[in-house]
């Protein structure tokens, strides 16, 4: 995990959601909540984002990790490493204030069709 800024949380969540086969309803709900929170976080522009969304996602992912570790929930063994990678990346991202998958505010050029009334 050398380039943490290029870590793709969306792809990791998609892999986990499609292949995890979680046996516990609490873990399934935690994964759903994490995905929904990430979708809301991703829809915001960079200046609107804060770490509380990442903390909430990490809390849900950590719940799943804890339940699997304590054998309360079963998971597809092939997805276990992906879940741990996501957990580790979120921990590093929260500690170092990393903005995963940035979404800067779009800049409108001065001479676009939308601005012709101002230019003329």
C-alpha atoms as a PDB file:
ATOM      1  CA  UNK A   1       0.000   0.000   0.000  1.00  0.00           C
ATOM      2  CA  UNK A   2       2.646   2.490  -1.093  1.00  0.00           C
ATOM      3  CA  UNK A   3       0.407   5.068  -2.746  1.00  0.00           C
ATOM      4  CA  UNK A   4      -2.403   5.512  -0.263  1.00  0.00           C
ATOM      5  CA  UNK A   5      -3.795   8.568  -2.106  1.00  0.00           C
ATOM      6  CA  UNK A   6      -4.592   6.387  -5.125  1.00  0.00           C
ATOM      7  CA  UNK A   7      -6.375   3.725  -3.045  1.00  0.00           C
ATOM      8  CA  UNK A   8      -9.805   3.136  -4.583  1.00  0.00           C
ATOM      9  CA  UNK A   9     -12.346   2.836  -1.767  1.00  0.00           C
ATOM     10  CA  UNK A  10     -15.235   2.491  -4.219  1.00  0.00           C
ATOM     11  CA  UNK A  11     -13.675  -0.534  -5.895  1.00  0.00           C
ATOM     12  CA  UNK A  12     -12.813  -2.167  -2.557  1.00  0.00           C
ATOM     13  CA  UNK A  13     -16.360  -1.713  -1.276  1.00  0.00           C
ATOM     14  CA  UNK A  14     -17.770  -3.119  -4.528  1.00  0.00           C
ATOM     15  CA  UNK A  15     -15.548  -6.213  -4.283  1.00  0.00           C
ATOM     16  CA  UNK A  16     -16.472  -6.758  -0.661  1.00  0.00           C
ATOM     17  CA  UNK A  17     -20.173  -6.247  -1.288  1.00  0.00           C
ATOM     18  CA  UNK A  18     -20.310  -8.619  -4.241  1.00  0.00           C
ATOM     19  CA  UNK A  19     -18.223 -11.457  -2.805  1.00  0.00           C
ATOM     20  CA  UNK A  20     -18.195 -11.266   0.998  1.00  0.00           C
ATOM     21  CA  UNK A  21     -21.149 -13.578   1.738  1.00  0.00           C
ATOM     22  CA  UNK A  22     -21.432 -12.316   5.310  1.00  0.00           C
ATOM     23  CA  UNK A  23     -23.393 -14.713   7.530  1.00  0.00           C
ATOM     24  CA  UNK A  24     -24.490 -12.183  10.141  1.00  0.00           C
ATOM     25  CA  UNK A  25     -27.223  -9.589   9.597  1.00  0.00           C
ATOM     26  CA  UNK A  26     -25.407  -7.044  11.783  1.00  0.00           C
ATOM     27  CA  UNK A  27     -22.310  -7.296   9.588  1.00  0.00           C
ATOM     28  CA  UNK A  28     -24.383  -7.091   6.405  1.00  0.00           C
ATOM     29  CA  UNK A  29     -26.100  -3.961   7.737  1.00  0.00           C
ATOM     30  CA  UNK A  30     -22.729  -2.458   8.717  1.00  0.00           C
ATOM     31  CA  UNK A  31     -21.446  -3.045   5.175  1.00  0.00           C
ATOM     32  CA  UNK A  32     -24.575  -1.460   3.696  1.00  0.00           C
ATOM     33  CA  UNK A  33     -24.201   1.541   5.997  1.00  0.00           C
ATOM     34  CA  UNK A  34     -20.531   1.902   5.043  1.00  0.00           C
ATOM     35  CA  UNK A  35     -21.401   1.830   1.335  1.00  0.00           C
ATOM     36  CA  UNK A  36     -24.192   4.386   1.767  1.00  0.00           C
ATOM     37  CA  UNK A  37     -21.971   6.700   3.812  1.00  0.00           C
ATOM     38  CA  UNK A  38     -19.210   6.408   1.208  1.00  0.00           C
ATOM     39  CA  UNK A  39     -21.672   7.258  -1.586  1.00  0.00           C
ATOM     40  CA  UNK A  40     -22.761  10.375   0.282  1.00  0.00           C
ATOM     41  CA  UNK A  41     -19.119  11.304   0.998  1.00  0.00           C
ATOM     42  CA  UNK A  42     -18.114  10.777  -2.612  1.00  0.00           C
ATOM     43  CA  UNK A  43     -20.964  12.968  -3.889  1.00  0.00           C
ATOM     44  CA  UNK A  44     -19.592  15.969  -1.982  1.00  0.00           C
ATOM     45  CA  UNK A  45     -17.000  18.337  -3.396  1.00  0.00           C
ATOM     46  CA  UNK A  46     -13.613  18.369  -1.676  1.00  0.00           C
ATOM     47  CA  UNK A  47     -14.293  21.541   0.293  1.00  0.00           C
ATOM     48  CA  UNK A  48     -17.497  19.992   1.744  1.00  0.00           C
ATOM     49  CA  UNK A  49     -15.814  16.784   2.923  1.00  0.00           C
ATOM     50  CA  UNK A  50     -14.610  16.068   6.430  1.00  0.00           C
ATOM     51  CA  UNK A  51     -13.195  13.122   8.313  1.00  0.00           C
ATOM     52  CA  UNK A  52     -16.436  12.237  10.107  1.00  0.00           C
ATOM     53  CA  UNK A  53     -17.637  10.266   7.076  1.00  0.00           C
ATOM     54  CA  UNK A  54     -14.409   8.247   6.977  1.00  0.00           C
ATOM     55  CA  UNK A  55     -14.620   7.628  10.718  1.00  0.00           C
ATOM     56  CA  UNK A  56     -18.193   6.332  10.332  1.00  0.00           C
ATOM     57  CA  UNK A  57     -17.170   4.068   7.439  1.00  0.00           C
ATOM     58  CA  UNK A  58     -14.168   2.815   9.375  1.00  0.00           C
ATOM     59  CA  UNK A  59     -16.344   2.113  12.407  1.00  0.00           C
ATOM     60  CA  UNK A  60     -18.614  -0.081  10.280  1.00  0.00           C
ATOM     61  CA  UNK A  61     -15.709  -1.900   8.632  1.00  0.00           C
ATOM     62  CA  UNK A  62     -14.049  -2.416  12.032  1.00  0.00           C
ATOM     63  CA  UNK A  63     -17.299  -3.910  13.341  1.00  0.00           C
ATOM     64  CA  UNK A  64     -17.230  -6.480  10.540  1.00  0.00           C
ATOM     65  CA  UNK A  65     -13.551  -7.246  11.183  1.00  0.00           C
ATOM     66  CA  UNK A  66     -14.251  -7.701  14.899  1.00  0.00           C
ATOM     67  CA  UNK A  67     -17.218  -9.982  14.280  1.00  0.00           C
ATOM     68  CA  UNK A  68     -15.285 -12.141  11.825  1.00  0.00           C
ATOM     69  CA  UNK A  69     -12.253 -12.294  14.130  1.00  0.00           C
ATOM     70  CA  UNK A  70     -14.433 -13.340  17.077  1.00  0.00           C
ATOM     71  CA  UNK A  71     -16.188 -15.934  14.896  1.00  0.00           C
ATOM     72  CA  UNK A  72     -19.556 -14.271  15.294  1.00  0.00           C
ATOM     73  CA  UNK A  73     -19.763 -13.858  11.526  1.00  0.00           C
ATOM     74  CA  UNK A  74     -18.359 -15.853   8.637  1.00  0.00           C
ATOM     75  CA  UNK A  75     -16.937 -14.288   5.486  1.00  0.00           C
ATOM     76  CA  UNK A  76     -15.689 -15.588   2.169  1.00  0.00           C
ATOM     77  CA  UNK A  77     -11.981 -16.217   2.882  1.00  0.00           C
ATOM     78  CA  UNK A  78     -10.965 -14.687  -0.459  1.00  0.00           C
ATOM     79  CA  UNK A  79     -12.502 -11.362   0.557  1.00  0.00           C
ATOM     80  CA  UNK A  80     -10.990 -11.276   4.040  1.00  0.00           C
ATOM     81  CA  UNK A  81      -7.743  -9.693   2.799  1.00  0.00           C
ATOM     82  CA  UNK A  82      -9.687  -7.067   0.835  1.00  0.00           C
ATOM     83  CA  UNK A  83     -11.610  -6.146   3.982  1.00  0.00           C
ATOM     84  CA  UNK A  84      -8.391  -5.829   5.971  1.00  0.00           C
ATOM     85  CA  UNK A  85      -6.820  -3.697   3.210  1.00  0.00           C
ATOM     86  CA  UNK A  86      -9.802  -1.342   3.317  1.00  0.00           C
ATOM     87  CA  UNK A  87      -9.650  -1.167   7.112  1.00  0.00           C
ATOM     88  CA  UNK A  88      -5.926  -0.364   7.051  1.00  0.00           C
ATOM     89  CA  UNK A  89      -6.308   2.248   4.302  1.00  0.00           C
ATOM     90  CA  UNK A  90      -9.107   3.995   6.175  1.00  0.00           C
ATOM     91  CA  UNK A  91      -7.044   4.030   9.382  1.00  0.00           C
ATOM     92  CA  UNK A  92      -4.084   5.609   7.557  1.00  0.00           C
ATOM     93  CA  UNK A  93      -6.378   8.017   5.716  1.00  0.00           C
ATOM     94  CA  UNK A  94      -8.003   9.220   8.925  1.00  0.00           C
ATOM     95  CA  UNK A  95      -4.698   9.639  10.752  1.00  0.00           C
ATOM     96  CA  UNK A  96      -3.037  11.502   7.851  1.00  0.00           C
ATOM     97  CA  UNK A  97      -6.142  13.429   6.704  1.00  0.00           C
ATOM     98  CA  UNK A  98      -6.068  11.926   3.204  1.00  0.00           C
ATOM     99  CA  UNK A  99      -8.824  12.757   0.753  1.00  0.00           C
ATOM    100  CA  UNK A 100      -9.620   9.508  -1.069  1.00  0.00           C
ATOM    101  CA  UNK A 101     -10.901   9.869  -4.643  1.00  0.00           C
ATOM    102  CA  UNK A 102     -10.867  13.692  -4.732  1.00  0.00           C
ATOM    103  CA  UNK A 103     -13.669  15.640  -6.388  1.00  0.00           C
ATOM    104  CA  UNK A 104     -12.579  19.230  -6.978  1.00  0.00           C
ATOM    105  CA  UNK A 105     -15.068  21.950  -7.820  1.00  0.00           C
ATOM    106  CA  UNK A 106     -15.470  22.214 -11.603  1.00  0.00           C
ATOM    107  CA  UNK A 107     -14.058  25.402 -13.067  1.00  0.00           C
ATOM    108  CA  UNK A 108     -16.060  27.139 -15.787  1.00  0.00           C
ATOM    109  CA  UNK A 109     -13.978  28.791 -18.490  1.00  0.00           C
ATOM    110  CA  UNK A 110     -14.577  32.482 -19.142  1.00  0.00           C
ATOM    111  CA  UNK A 111     -15.652  32.070 -22.798  1.00  0.00           C
ATOM    112  CA  UNK A 112     -18.159  29.240 -22.618  1.00  0.00           C
ATOM    113  CA  UNK A 113     -21.704  29.263 -23.950  1.00  0.00           C
ATOM    114  CA  UNK A 114     -23.010  29.754 -20.429  1.00  0.00           C
ATOM    115  CA  UNK A 115     -21.144  33.048 -20.109  1.00  0.00           C
ATOM    116  CA  UNK A 116     -21.809  34.663 -23.533  1.00  0.00           C
ATOM    117  CA  UNK A 117     -24.218  37.183 -22.074  1.00  0.00           C
ATOM    118  CA  UNK A 118     -21.472  38.457 -19.765  1.00  0.00           C
ATOM    119  CA  UNK A 119     -18.816  38.555 -22.495  1.00  0.00           C
ATOM    120  CA  UNK A 120     -20.942  40.337 -25.091  1.00  0.00           C
END
